[in-house]
Protein backbone atom coordinates (compact mmCIF):
# COMPACT_ATOMS: atom_id res chain seq x y z
CA MET A 1 -0.22 -0.21 0.07
CA ASN A 2 1.19 3.04 -0.95
CA LYS A 3 2.00 6.05 1.73
CA LEU A 4 -0.50 8.24 2.77
CA THR A 5 -1.14 11.65 0.78
CA PRO A 6 -2.21 14.50 3.09
CA ASN A 7 -3.83 16.51 -0.16
CA LYS A 8 -5.76 13.36 -1.01
CA LEU A 9 -8.92 12.09 0.31
CA LEU A 10 -8.43 9.55 3.21
CA ILE A 11 -10.50 6.34 2.79
CA SER A 12 -10.64 3.85 5.94
CA ILE A 13 -11.10 0.17 5.33
CA ILE A 14 -11.98 -1.93 8.39
CA THR A 15 -11.37 -5.59 8.34
CA VAL A 16 -12.99 -7.64 11.28
CA VAL A 17 -11.53 -10.95 11.93
CA TYR A 18 -11.56 -13.84 14.22
CA ASN A 19 -9.53 -16.91 13.55
CA GLY A 20 -9.57 -16.29 9.94
CA ALA A 21 -6.02 -17.41 9.11
CA ALA A 22 -7.54 -19.58 6.05
CA THR A 23 -8.77 -16.35 4.06
CA ILE A 24 -7.47 -13.10 5.86
CA ARG A 25 -4.41 -12.95 3.59
CA GLN A 26 -6.96 -12.75 0.36
CA THR A 27 -8.60 -9.95 2.08
CA ILE A 28 -5.49 -7.91 3.15
CA ASP A 29 -3.90 -8.30 -0.35
CA SER A 30 -6.78 -6.91 -2.17
CA VAL A 31 -6.90 -3.74 0.27
CA MET A 32 -2.86 -3.46 -0.62
CA GLY A 33 -3.44 -3.76 -4.24
CA GLN A 34 -6.12 -0.92 -4.57
CA SER A 35 -5.73 1.24 -7.04
CA TYR A 36 -6.37 4.32 -4.88
CA SER A 37 -3.42 4.97 -2.68
CA ASN A 38 -4.23 6.87 0.29
CA ILE A 39 -5.96 4.32 2.23
CA GLU A 40 -6.06 3.66 6.13
CA TYR A 41 -6.30 -0.08 7.01
CA ILE A 42 -7.64 -1.02 10.22
CA ILE A 43 -7.80 -4.74 11.22
CA VAL A 44 -10.28 -5.62 14.55
CA ASP A 45 -9.06 -9.18 15.63
CA GLY A 46 -11.25 -10.64 18.08
CA GLY A 47 -8.46 -12.50 20.06
CA SER A 48 -7.59 -15.17 17.30
CA THR A 49 -5.88 -18.51 18.49
CA ASP A 50 -5.31 -19.41 15.18
CA ASP A 51 -2.42 -18.06 12.86
CA THR A 52 -4.29 -14.94 12.05
CA LEU A 53 -2.17 -12.74 13.99
CA LYS A 54 0.97 -13.96 12.70
CA ILE A 55 -0.18 -13.72 9.26
CA ILE A 56 -1.39 -9.72 9.97
CA LYS A 57 2.26 -8.92 11.38
CA GLU A 58 3.89 -10.15 8.19
CA TYR A 59 2.64 -6.86 6.47
CA GLY A 60 4.08 -4.58 9.42
CA SER A 61 3.48 -0.99 8.92
CA LYS A 62 1.48 -1.51 5.84
CA ILE A 63 -1.64 -1.91 8.15
CA SER A 64 -1.97 1.42 9.55
CA LYS A 65 -3.94 0.13 12.82
CA VAL A 66 -4.17 -3.28 14.55
CA ILE A 67 -6.80 -4.07 17.79
CA SER A 68 -6.87 -7.56 18.94
CA GLU A 69 -8.82 -8.19 21.98
CA SER A 70 -12.18 -9.83 22.72
CA ASP A 71 -15.35 -8.36 21.99
CA GLU A 72 -19.08 -8.82 22.05
CA GLY A 73 -19.40 -9.96 18.53
CA LEU A 74 -19.37 -9.05 14.77
CA TYR A 75 -20.79 -5.86 15.38
CA ASP A 76 -19.14 -4.42 18.32
CA ALA A 77 -15.95 -5.05 16.66
CA MET A 78 -17.00 -3.00 13.55
CA ASN A 79 -18.09 -0.27 16.11
CA LYS A 80 -14.46 -0.28 17.60
CA GLY A 81 -12.95 0.13 14.10
CA ILE A 82 -15.17 2.91 13.30
CA GLY A 83 -14.46 4.54 16.41
CA ILE A 84 -10.37 4.92 15.55
CA ALA A 85 -11.02 5.65 11.66
CA ASN A 86 -9.96 8.73 10.56
CA GLY A 87 -11.57 8.80 6.73
CA GLU A 88 -14.10 10.69 5.36
CA LEU A 89 -15.67 7.14 3.92
CA ILE A 90 -15.34 3.98 6.08
CA GLY A 91 -15.47 0.56 3.74
CA MET A 92 -16.30 -2.30 5.69
CA ILE A 93 -14.40 -5.85 4.36
CA ASN A 94 -14.58 -8.94 6.62
CA SER A 95 -11.63 -11.45 6.70
CA ASP A 96 -13.65 -14.11 4.17
CA ASP A 97 -14.47 -11.39 1.70
CA TRP A 98 -12.11 -9.59 -0.82
CA TYR A 99 -12.55 -6.27 -2.80
CA GLU A 100 -12.24 -5.63 -6.87
CA LEU A 101 -8.73 -4.09 -7.41
CA ASP A 102 -10.81 -0.59 -8.35
CA ALA A 103 -13.11 -0.75 -5.79
CA VAL A 104 -11.86 2.37 -3.55
CA GLU A 105 -11.27 4.48 -6.54
CA SER A 106 -14.79 3.72 -7.58
CA MET A 107 -16.31 4.67 -4.43
CA VAL A 108 -14.03 7.73 -4.13
CA ALA A 109 -15.16 9.03 -7.64
CA ALA A 110 -18.93 8.42 -6.79
CA TYR A 111 -18.26 10.38 -3.48
CA LYS A 112 -16.62 13.62 -5.17
CA LYS A 113 -19.59 13.77 -7.79
CA ASN A 114 -22.28 13.54 -5.14
CA PRO A 115 -21.04 14.78 -1.68
CA ASN A 116 -24.39 15.33 -0.32
CA LYS A 117 -25.11 11.45 -0.44
CA THR A 118 -23.94 9.56 2.95
CA ILE A 119 -24.18 5.99 2.08
CA PHE A 120 -22.39 4.67 -1.42
CA HIS A 121 -22.95 0.90 -2.37
CA ALA A 122 -22.56 -1.21 -5.37
CA ASP A 123 -23.08 -4.49 -6.94
CA ARG A 124 -21.21 -7.96 -5.51
CA PHE A 125 -19.73 -11.38 -6.57
CA ASP A 126 -21.48 -14.10 -4.52
CA VAL A 127 -18.76 -17.19 -4.03
CA ASP A 128 -19.79 -20.46 -3.36
CA GLU A 129 -17.46 -23.24 -1.69
CA LYS A 130 -16.13 -24.03 -5.04
CA THR A 131 -15.24 -20.39 -5.18
CA ASN A 132 -17.64 -20.26 -8.26
CA ARG A 133 -18.57 -16.69 -8.51
CA GLU A 134 -22.40 -15.38 -9.38
CA LEU A 135 -23.20 -11.61 -9.97
CA ARG A 136 -25.47 -10.18 -7.28
CA LYS A 137 -26.97 -7.02 -8.74
CA PHE A 138 -28.56 -4.24 -6.38
CA ASN A 139 -32.12 -4.96 -6.52
CA PRO A 140 -33.98 -1.40 -6.22
CA SER A 141 -37.23 -2.84 -4.84
CA GLU A 142 -38.37 -0.58 -1.72
CA PHE A 143 -41.23 -2.87 -0.79
CA LYS A 144 -38.70 -6.08 -0.81
CA PHE A 145 -35.93 -4.12 1.24
CA MET A 146 -38.69 -3.00 4.05
CA TYR A 147 -41.02 -6.16 4.18
CA TYR A 148 -38.63 -8.95 3.12
CA GLY A 149 -34.82 -8.13 4.02
CA MET A 150 -31.74 -6.85 3.17
CA THR A 151 -31.28 -5.74 -0.78
CA TYR A 152 -28.18 -3.64 -0.36
CA SER A 153 -25.12 -5.24 -0.51
CA HIS A 154 -23.32 -4.30 2.92
CA PRO A 155 -19.61 -5.29 1.78
CA SER A 156 -19.69 -3.03 -1.12
CA MET A 157 -20.79 -0.17 1.31
CA PHE A 158 -18.83 2.87 1.61
CA ILE A 159 -20.10 4.94 4.36
CA THR A 160 -19.36 8.62 5.39
CA HIS A 161 -17.58 9.59 8.66
CA SER A 162 -20.77 11.81 9.53
CA GLU A 163 -23.39 8.88 9.21
CA TYR A 164 -21.57 6.91 11.59
CA ALA A 165 -21.30 9.74 13.97
CA LYS A 166 -25.37 9.65 13.99
CA HIS A 167 -25.56 5.78 14.77
CA LEU A 168 -23.31 2.73 14.84
CA TYR A 169 -24.09 -0.97 14.63
CA ASN A 170 -26.61 -2.66 17.38
CA THR A 171 -24.62 -4.87 19.22
CA LYS A 172 -27.39 -6.68 20.64
CA LEU A 173 -28.22 -8.22 17.30
CA CYS A 174 -26.00 -11.30 16.02
CA SER A 175 -26.54 -10.96 12.20
CA LEU A 176 -29.09 -8.13 11.26
CA SER A 177 -27.63 -5.00 12.76
CA ASP A 178 -26.36 -3.99 9.16
CA TYR A 179 -29.90 -4.24 8.03
CA GLN A 180 -31.09 -2.04 10.98
CA PHE A 181 -28.33 0.18 10.32
CA VAL A 182 -29.19 0.81 6.63
CA LEU A 183 -33.25 1.00 7.29
CA GLU A 184 -32.83 3.34 9.86
CA THR A 185 -30.82 5.82 7.31
CA PHE A 186 -33.69 4.84 4.87
CA LEU A 187 -36.32 5.59 6.90
CA HIS A 188 -34.79 9.21 7.99
CA ASN A 189 -33.70 9.70 4.41
CA LYS A 190 -34.03 7.68 1.54
CA LYS A 191 -32.03 10.33 -0.79
CA SER A 192 -28.77 9.36 1.23
CA PHE A 193 -28.17 6.44 -0.72
CA PHE A 194 -26.07 6.24 -4.00
CA TYR A 195 -25.77 3.16 -6.15
CA VAL A 196 -22.70 2.42 -8.30
CA SER A 197 -23.96 0.05 -11.30
CA LYS A 198 -20.60 -2.31 -10.85
CA PRO A 199 -19.35 -5.24 -8.72
CA ILE A 200 -16.85 -4.44 -6.35
CA VAL A 201 -16.64 -6.91 -3.96
CA ASN A 202 -16.53 -10.75 -3.50
CA TYR A 203 -18.65 -12.32 -0.65
CA ARG A 204 -18.12 -15.80 0.42
CA LEU A 205 -21.77 -17.34 1.09
CA ASN A 206 -20.92 -18.88 4.53
CA GLY A 207 -22.33 -15.98 6.96
CA ILE A 208 -24.12 -15.49 10.31
CA SER A 209 -27.48 -14.92 8.58
CA ALA A 210 -27.26 -17.87 6.30
CA GLN A 211 -27.23 -20.21 9.22
CA LEU A 212 -30.23 -18.49 11.19
CA SER A 213 -33.14 -20.68 11.47
CA LEU A 214 -36.46 -19.17 10.13
CA LEU A 215 -37.72 -18.48 13.63
CA ALA A 216 -34.24 -16.88 14.72
CA SER A 217 -34.43 -14.92 11.45
CA LEU A 218 -37.82 -13.66 12.04
CA LYS A 219 -37.14 -12.55 15.59
CA GLU A 220 -34.36 -10.73 14.33
CA GLY A 221 -35.83 -9.22 11.73
CA PHE A 222 -38.97 -7.92 14.25
CA LEU A 223 -36.28 -6.35 16.35
CA ALA A 224 -34.21 -4.56 13.45
CA ARG A 225 -37.26 -3.15 11.84
CA ARG A 226 -38.34 -2.02 15.36
CA ASN A 227 -35.22 -0.56 16.21
CA ALA A 228 -34.85 1.31 13.31
CA GLY A 229 -38.34 3.07 13.67
CA MET A 230 -40.61 1.01 11.93
CA GLY A 231 -44.32 0.90 13.03
CA LEU A 232 -45.71 -2.14 14.49
CA LEU A 233 -48.37 -2.67 12.13
CA LYS A 234 -45.83 -3.04 9.17
CA ASN A 235 -43.43 -4.65 11.25
CA ILE A 236 -46.34 -7.49 11.46
CA PHE A 237 -46.93 -7.19 7.80
CA SER A 238 -43.36 -7.87 7.27
CA VAL A 239 -43.36 -10.82 9.36
CA ASN A 240 -46.29 -12.51 7.46
CA VAL A 241 -44.70 -11.78 3.98
CA ARG A 242 -41.52 -13.68 5.46
CA LEU A 243 -43.67 -16.71 6.55
CA LEU A 244 -45.46 -16.61 3.18
CA ILE A 245 -42.61 -16.54 0.79
CA SER A 246 -40.74 -19.38 3.18
CA LEU A 247 -43.79 -21.27 2.66
CA VAL A 248 -44.16 -20.91 -0.96
CA HIS A 249 -40.17 -22.30 -1.25
CA LYS A 250 -41.06 -24.89 0.86
CA LEU A 251 -43.98 -26.24 -1.12
CA LYS A 252 -41.78 -25.65 -4.55
CA SER A 253 -39.00 -27.67 -3.03
CA ASN A 254 -41.41 -30.43 -2.19
């Protein structure tokens, strides 16, 4: 990674990791290889017991800041990283994902042209266990986002420091705090978002949310919507939408 340039927009990239030795090198290399140079790279480790820290140390001063301590989960670690980030835009790339090499440059260009926006997002590649990649484009349906689930790609997001100053991630949720964060912003001002129509991140399909049972997912979704400011009747409607779609999928699979 090139040295920080004082007269160039500073971008902070945060990687949260716990026992990620198998994949974190690819994550770090994707940040180090960015076509944009003025990047502050922060790694927040939850006290890994594998070779994660050994791999991180190999990069030395190329990584701006490293925190390694126990935490209260993924979103607590994200909040820690945000708390020490100095960049005007903050990207969040977890230790099993990796950026396309022009990711930061693309989002900086979008921000410079749209300085009134606070959340910049793009498309992504979903990566399966065999490393096959499938393009997942942003679904602009407001109905689906509000009443079914996350249509925005959180790993693709670059969020302004000023937006994070208003609210952080809810550490009481285990998998849908990013949904709460985005929905809260959306309900407050849907014009906060800017979409870049290109894939900038590779996302492995083995996250926490994919492992939740239907009941746990419904509960988390209800809490996320309530915390974001959605009214009770709309929230109940959302639960019924999720149940109906789940039933349809089950019938189709039989």
